[in-house]
Amino acid sequence: MQKKYFKDAQHIIMCFGWELPSADPVAVRPRSIGITELEDKFVINFMLAPNPVAQQVMEDWVDSI
């Protein structure tokens, strides 16, 4: 079996909230979507968000691409 090597890997980092009163919450509440490019495909993954609305937004966004 041939090994598959990563061609590239990126993180898309975002902060979900009803409002951001300052820049401080961005440091403590990020959500990250990982995108890894393999030789023959892309792998997109993320951890579950504690906020169901944020979770649905991330799922919808990944499904749309």
PDB file of N, CA and C in Angstrom:
ATOM      1  N   MET A   1       0.830  -1.175   0.000  1.00  0.00           N
ATOM      2  CA  MET A   1       0.000   0.000   0.000  1.00  0.00           C
ATOM      3  C   MET A   1       0.880   1.246   0.000  1.00  0.00           C
ATOM      4  N   GLN A   2       0.605   2.142  -0.933  1.00  0.00           N
ATOM      5  CA  GLN A   2       1.391   3.365  -1.047  1.00  0.00           C
ATOM      6  C   GLN A   2       0.948   4.385  -0.008  1.00  0.00           C
ATOM      7  N   LYS A   3       1.929   5.046   0.624  1.00  0.00           N
ATOM      8  CA  LYS A   3       1.605   6.091   1.596  1.00  0.00           C
ATOM      9  C   LYS A   3       1.050   7.306   0.884  1.00  0.00           C
ATOM     10  N   LYS A   4       0.084   7.958   1.524  1.00  0.00           N
ATOM     11  CA  LYS A   4      -0.453   9.207   0.999  1.00  0.00           C
ATOM     12  C   LYS A   4       0.163  10.344   1.782  1.00  0.00           C
ATOM     13  N   TYR A   5       0.619  11.331   1.077  1.00  0.00           N
ATOM     14  CA  TYR A   5       1.267  12.474   1.706  1.00  0.00           C
ATOM     15  C   TYR A   5       0.390  13.708   1.603  1.00  0.00           C
ATOM     16  N   PHE A   6       0.464  14.537   2.611  1.00  0.00           N
ATOM     17  CA  PHE A   6      -0.255  15.806   2.577  1.00  0.00           C
ATOM     18  C   PHE A   6       0.424  16.719   1.570  1.00  0.00           C
ATOM     19  N   LYS A   7      -0.377  17.348   0.733  1.00  0.00           N
ATOM     20  CA  LYS A   7       0.147  18.373  -0.160  1.00  0.00           C
ATOM     21  C   LYS A   7       0.102  19.727   0.539  1.00  0.00           C
ATOM     22  N   ASP A   8      -0.931  19.930   1.378  1.00  0.00           N
ATOM     23  CA  ASP A   8      -1.095  21.196   2.073  1.00  0.00           C
ATOM     24  C   ASP A   8      -2.104  20.992   3.197  1.00  0.00           C
ATOM     25  N   ALA A   9      -2.075  21.862   4.192  1.00  0.00           N
ATOM     26  CA  ALA A   9      -3.056  21.840   5.279  1.00  0.00           C
ATOM     27  C   ALA A   9      -3.293  23.280   5.725  1.00  0.00           C
ATOM     28  N   GLN A  10      -4.544  23.632   5.944  1.00  0.00           N
ATOM     29  CA  GLN A  10      -4.916  24.989   6.344  1.00  0.00           C
ATOM     30  C   GLN A  10      -5.975  24.915   7.431  1.00  0.00           C
ATOM     31  N   HIS A  11      -6.048  25.946   8.245  1.00  0.00           N
ATOM     32  CA  HIS A  11      -7.120  26.101   9.226  1.00  0.00           C
ATOM     33  C   HIS A  11      -7.895  27.363   8.880  1.00  0.00           C
ATOM     34  N   ILE A  12      -9.187  27.251   8.932  1.00  0.00           N
ATOM     35  CA  ILE A  12     -10.056  28.416   8.834  1.00  0.00           C
ATOM     36  C   ILE A  12     -10.583  28.625  10.246  1.00  0.00           C
ATOM     37  N   ILE A  13     -10.229  29.738  10.847  1.00  0.00           N
ATOM     38  CA  ILE A  13     -10.581  29.982  12.242  1.00  0.00           C
ATOM     39  C   ILE A  13     -11.620  31.090  12.301  1.00  0.00           C
ATOM     40  N   MET A  14     -12.687  30.842  13.070  1.00  0.00           N
ATOM     41  CA  MET A  14     -13.753  31.836  13.191  1.00  0.00           C
ATOM     42  C   MET A  14     -14.261  31.857  14.617  1.00  0.00           C
ATOM     43  N   CYS A  15     -14.940  32.900  14.973  1.00  0.00           N
ATOM     44  CA  CYS A  15     -15.538  33.028  16.292  1.00  0.00           C
ATOM     45  C   CYS A  15     -17.021  33.294  16.114  1.00  0.00           C
ATOM     46  N   PHE A  16     -17.847  32.439  16.685  1.00  0.00           N
ATOM     47  CA  PHE A  16     -19.288  32.601  16.608  1.00  0.00           C
ATOM     48  C   PHE A  16     -19.805  33.233  17.886  1.00  0.00           C
ATOM     49  N   GLY A  17     -20.741  34.084  17.758  1.00  0.00           N
ATOM     50  CA  GLY A  17     -21.385  34.695  18.911  1.00  0.00           C
ATOM     51  C   GLY A  17     -22.489  35.607  18.427  1.00  0.00           C
ATOM     52  N   TRP A  18     -23.393  35.926  19.311  1.00  0.00           N
ATOM     53  CA  TRP A  18     -24.477  36.838  18.934  1.00  0.00           C
ATOM     54  C   TRP A  18     -23.925  38.222  18.669  1.00  0.00           C
ATOM     55  N   GLU A  19     -22.922  38.582  19.437  1.00  0.00           N
ATOM     56  CA  GLU A  19     -22.224  39.842  19.216  1.00  0.00           C
ATOM     57  C   GLU A  19     -20.857  39.737  19.866  1.00  0.00           C
ATOM     58  N   LEU A  20     -19.926  40.497  19.391  1.00  0.00           N
ATOM     59  CA  LEU A  20     -18.594  40.537  19.977  1.00  0.00           C
ATOM     60  C   LEU A  20     -18.371  41.946  20.516  1.00  0.00           C
ATOM     61  N   PRO A  21     -18.429  42.116  21.834  1.00  0.00           N
ATOM     62  CA  PRO A  21     -18.283  43.447  22.410  1.00  0.00           C
ATOM     63  C   PRO A  21     -16.857  43.991  22.311  1.00  0.00           C
ATOM     64  N   SER A  22     -15.905  43.115  22.124  1.00  0.00           N
ATOM     65  CA  SER A  22     -14.504  43.515  21.966  1.00  0.00           C
ATOM     66  C   SER A  22     -13.793  42.385  21.231  1.00  0.00           C
ATOM     67  N   ALA A  23     -12.510  42.555  21.000  1.00  0.00           N
ATOM     68  CA  ALA A  23     -11.735  41.521  20.314  1.00  0.00           C
ATOM     69  C   ALA A  23     -11.334  40.377  21.241  1.00  0.00           C
ATOM     70  N   ASP A  24     -11.514  40.522  22.538  1.00  0.00           N
ATOM     71  CA  ASP A  24     -11.076  39.506  23.496  1.00  0.00           C
ATOM     72  C   ASP A  24     -11.696  38.125  23.290  1.00  0.00           C
ATOM     73  N   PRO A  25     -13.006  38.007  23.017  1.00  0.00           N
ATOM     74  CA  PRO A  25     -13.571  36.659  22.864  1.00  0.00           C
ATOM     75  C   PRO A  25     -12.972  35.855  21.716  1.00  0.00           C
ATOM     76  N   VAL A  26     -12.409  36.525  20.737  1.00  0.00           N
ATOM     77  CA  VAL A  26     -11.820  35.805  19.606  1.00  0.00           C
ATOM     78  C   VAL A  26     -10.679  34.902  20.080  1.00  0.00           C
ATOM     79  N   ALA A  27      -9.963  35.314  21.111  1.00  0.00           N
ATOM     80  CA  ALA A  27      -8.843  34.523  21.607  1.00  0.00           C
ATOM     81  C   ALA A  27      -9.282  33.313  22.411  1.00  0.00           C
ATOM     82  N   VAL A  28     -10.469  33.364  23.016  1.00  0.00           N
ATOM     83  CA  VAL A  28     -10.864  32.271  23.910  1.00  0.00           C
ATOM     84  C   VAL A  28     -11.954  31.376  23.332  1.00  0.00           C
ATOM     85  N   ARG A  29     -12.593  31.772  22.237  1.00  0.00           N
ATOM     86  CA  ARG A  29     -13.688  30.962  21.722  1.00  0.00           C
ATOM     87  C   ARG A  29     -13.565  30.665  20.223  1.00  0.00           C
ATOM     88  N   PRO A  30     -12.418  30.304  19.736  1.00  0.00           N
ATOM     89  CA  PRO A  30     -12.364  30.069  18.295  1.00  0.00           C
ATOM     90  C   PRO A  30     -12.978  28.730  17.913  1.00  0.00           C
ATOM     91  N   ARG A  31     -13.469  28.663  16.731  1.00  0.00           N
ATOM     92  CA  ARG A  31     -13.860  27.423  16.070  1.00  0.00           C
ATOM     93  C   ARG A  31     -12.912  27.271  14.901  1.00  0.00           C
ATOM     94  N   SER A  32     -12.502  26.090  14.628  1.00  0.00           N
ATOM     95  CA  SER A  32     -11.542  25.861  13.562  1.00  0.00           C
ATOM     96  C   SER A  32     -12.046  24.757  12.648  1.00  0.00           C
ATOM     97  N   ILE A  33     -11.957  25.000  11.357  1.00  0.00           N
ATOM     98  CA  ILE A  33     -12.244  23.980  10.348  1.00  0.00           C
ATOM     99  C   ILE A  33     -10.906  23.646   9.707  1.00  0.00           C
ATOM    100  N   GLY A  34     -10.537  22.383   9.734  1.00  0.00           N
ATOM    101  CA  GLY A  34      -9.276  21.943   9.146  1.00  0.00           C
ATOM    102  C   GLY A  34      -9.502  21.457   7.728  1.00  0.00           C
ATOM    103  N   ILE A  35      -8.660  21.890   6.821  1.00  0.00           N
ATOM    104  CA  ILE A  35      -8.730  21.454   5.430  1.00  0.00           C
ATOM    105  C   ILE A  35      -7.367  20.890   5.068  1.00  0.00           C
ATOM    106  N   THR A  36      -7.347  19.616   4.702  1.00  0.00           N
ATOM    107  CA  THR A  36      -6.102  18.946   4.341  1.00  0.00           C
ATOM    108  C   THR A  36      -6.201  18.475   2.901  1.00  0.00           C
ATOM    109  N   GLU A  37      -5.213  18.841   2.107  1.00  0.00           N
ATOM    110  CA  GLU A  37      -5.180  18.402   0.714  1.00  0.00           C
ATOM    111  C   GLU A  37      -4.276  17.182   0.605  1.00  0.00           C
ATOM    112  N   LEU A  38      -4.852  16.087   0.129  1.00  0.00           N
ATOM    113  CA  LEU A  38      -4.083  14.881  -0.147  1.00  0.00           C
ATOM    114  C   LEU A  38      -3.830  14.819  -1.652  1.00  0.00           C
ATOM    115  N   GLU A  39      -3.161  13.801  -2.094  1.00  0.00           N
ATOM    116  CA  GLU A  39      -2.855  13.683  -3.513  1.00  0.00           C
ATOM    117  C   GLU A  39      -4.109  13.615  -4.370  1.00  0.00           C
ATOM    118  N   ASP A  40      -5.168  12.983  -3.854  1.00  0.00           N
ATOM    119  CA  ASP A  40      -6.344  12.730  -4.687  1.00  0.00           C
ATOM    120  C   ASP A  40      -7.645  13.290  -4.121  1.00  0.00           C
ATOM    121  N   LYS A  41      -7.593  14.003  -2.988  1.00  0.00           N
ATOM    122  CA  LYS A  41      -8.831  14.518  -2.390  1.00  0.00           C
ATOM    123  C   LYS A  41      -8.511  15.548  -1.317  1.00  0.00           C
ATOM    124  N   PHE A  42      -9.555  16.219  -0.861  1.00  0.00           N
ATOM    125  CA  PHE A  42      -9.469  17.124   0.277  1.00  0.00           C
ATOM    126  C   PHE A  42     -10.226  16.496   1.446  1.00  0.00           C
ATOM    127  N   VAL A  43      -9.709  16.673   2.653  1.00  0.00           N
ATOM    128  CA  VAL A  43     -10.393  16.223   3.862  1.00  0.00           C
ATOM    129  C   VAL A  43     -10.739  17.481   4.649  1.00  0.00           C
ATOM    130  N   ILE A  44     -12.030  17.648   4.970  1.00  0.00           N
ATOM    131  CA  ILE A  44     -12.493  18.798   5.728  1.00  0.00           C
ATOM    132  C   ILE A  44     -13.093  18.275   7.026  1.00  0.00           C
ATOM    133  N   ASN A  45     -12.603  18.778   8.168  1.00  0.00           N
ATOM    134  CA  ASN A  45     -13.129  18.286   9.436  1.00  0.00           C
ATOM    135  C   ASN A  45     -13.126  19.392  10.487  1.00  0.00           C
ATOM    136  N   PHE A  46     -13.919  19.168  11.533  1.00  0.00           N
ATOM    137  CA  PHE A  46     -13.992  20.107  12.647  1.00  0.00           C
ATOM    138  C   PHE A  46     -14.581  19.398  13.846  1.00  0.00           C
ATOM    139  N   MET A  47     -14.324  19.951  15.020  1.00  0.00           N
ATOM    140  CA  MET A  47     -14.885  19.409  16.259  1.00  0.00           C
ATOM    141  C   MET A  47     -16.278  19.989  16.482  1.00  0.00           C
ATOM    142  N   LEU A  48     -17.073  19.296  17.251  1.00  0.00           N
ATOM    143  CA  LEU A  48     -18.416  19.783  17.558  1.00  0.00           C
ATOM    144  C   LEU A  48     -18.352  21.106  18.307  1.00  0.00           C
ATOM    145  N   ALA A  49     -19.230  22.008  17.930  1.00  0.00           N
ATOM    146  CA  ALA A  49     -19.310  23.309  18.612  1.00  0.00           C
ATOM    147  C   ALA A  49     -20.253  23.191  19.802  1.00  0.00           C
ATOM    148  N   PRO A  50     -19.991  23.904  20.888  1.00  0.00           N
ATOM    149  CA  PRO A  50     -20.892  23.853  22.039  1.00  0.00           C
ATOM    150  C   PRO A  50     -22.213  24.579  21.773  1.00  0.00           C
ATOM    151  N   ASN A  51     -22.236  25.437  20.792  1.00  0.00           N
ATOM    152  CA  ASN A  51     -23.438  26.189  20.443  1.00  0.00           C
ATOM    153  C   ASN A  51     -24.109  25.520  19.249  1.00  0.00           C
ATOM    154  N   PRO A  52     -25.362  25.064  19.373  1.00  0.00           N
ATOM    155  CA  PRO A  52     -26.025  24.363  18.271  1.00  0.00           C
ATOM    156  C   PRO A  52     -26.180  25.218  17.005  1.00  0.00           C
ATOM    157  N   VAL A  53     -26.342  26.524  17.171  1.00  0.00           N
ATOM    158  CA  VAL A  53     -26.461  27.399  16.000  1.00  0.00           C
ATOM    159  C   VAL A  53     -25.132  27.438  15.242  1.00  0.00           C
ATOM    160  N   ALA A  54     -24.040  27.588  15.983  1.00  0.00           N
ATOM    161  CA  ALA A  54     -22.717  27.584  15.360  1.00  0.00           C
ATOM    162  C   ALA A  54     -22.443  26.244  14.692  1.00  0.00           C
ATOM    163  N   GLN A  55     -22.825  25.163  15.331  1.00  0.00           N
ATOM    164  CA  GLN A  55     -22.633  23.833  14.760  1.00  0.00           C
ATOM    165  C   GLN A  55     -23.354  23.711  13.424  1.00  0.00           C
ATOM    166  N   GLN A  56     -24.588  24.187  13.367  1.00  0.00           N
ATOM    167  CA  GLN A  56     -25.365  24.098  12.133  1.00  0.00           C
ATOM    168  C   GLN A  56     -24.756  24.966  11.031  1.00  0.00           C
ATOM    169  N   VAL A  57     -24.271  26.144  11.379  1.00  0.00           N
ATOM    170  CA  VAL A  57     -23.627  27.025  10.399  1.00  0.00           C
ATOM    171  C   VAL A  57     -22.398  26.330   9.810  1.00  0.00           C
ATOM    172  N   MET A  58     -21.583  25.717  10.660  1.00  0.00           N
ATOM    173  CA  MET A  58     -20.385  25.036  10.169  1.00  0.00           C
ATOM    174  C   MET A  58     -20.753  23.845   9.295  1.00  0.00           C
ATOM    175  N   GLU A  59     -21.737  23.063   9.702  1.00  0.00           N
ATOM    176  CA  GLU A  59     -22.160  21.926   8.886  1.00  0.00           C
ATOM    177  C   GLU A  59     -22.686  22.384   7.531  1.00  0.00           C
ATOM    178  N   ASP A  60     -23.511  23.429   7.540  1.00  0.00           N
ATOM    179  CA  ASP A  60     -24.067  23.951   6.294  1.00  0.00           C
ATOM    180  C   ASP A  60     -22.961  24.455   5.365  1.00  0.00           C
ATOM    181  N   TRP A  61     -21.973  25.149   5.944  1.00  0.00           N
ATOM    182  CA  TRP A  61     -20.893  25.696   5.144  1.00  0.00           C
ATOM    183  C   TRP A  61     -20.079  24.568   4.497  1.00  0.00           C
ATOM    184  N   VAL A  62     -19.730  23.546   5.293  1.00  0.00           N
ATOM    185  CA  VAL A  62     -18.949  22.430   4.757  1.00  0.00           C
ATOM    186  C   VAL A  62     -19.772  21.676   3.699  1.00  0.00           C
ATOM    187  N   ASP A  63     -21.053  21.454   3.956  1.00  0.00           N
ATOM    188  CA  ASP A  63     -21.900  20.766   2.982  1.00  0.00           C
ATOM    189  C   ASP A  63     -22.009  21.545   1.672  1.00  0.00           C
ATOM    190  N   SER A  64     -21.939  22.879   1.747  1.00  0.00           N
ATOM    191  CA  SER A  64     -22.105  23.691   0.543  1.00  0.00           C
ATOM    192  C   SER A  64     -20.901  23.618  -0.399  1.00  0.00           C
ATOM    193  N   ILE A  65     -19.747  23.242   0.139  1.00  0.00           N
ATOM    194  CA  ILE A  65     -18.586  23.137  -0.744  1.00  0.00           C
ATOM    195  C   ILE A  65     -18.412  21.697  -1.143  1.00  0.00           C
TER     196      ILE A  65
END
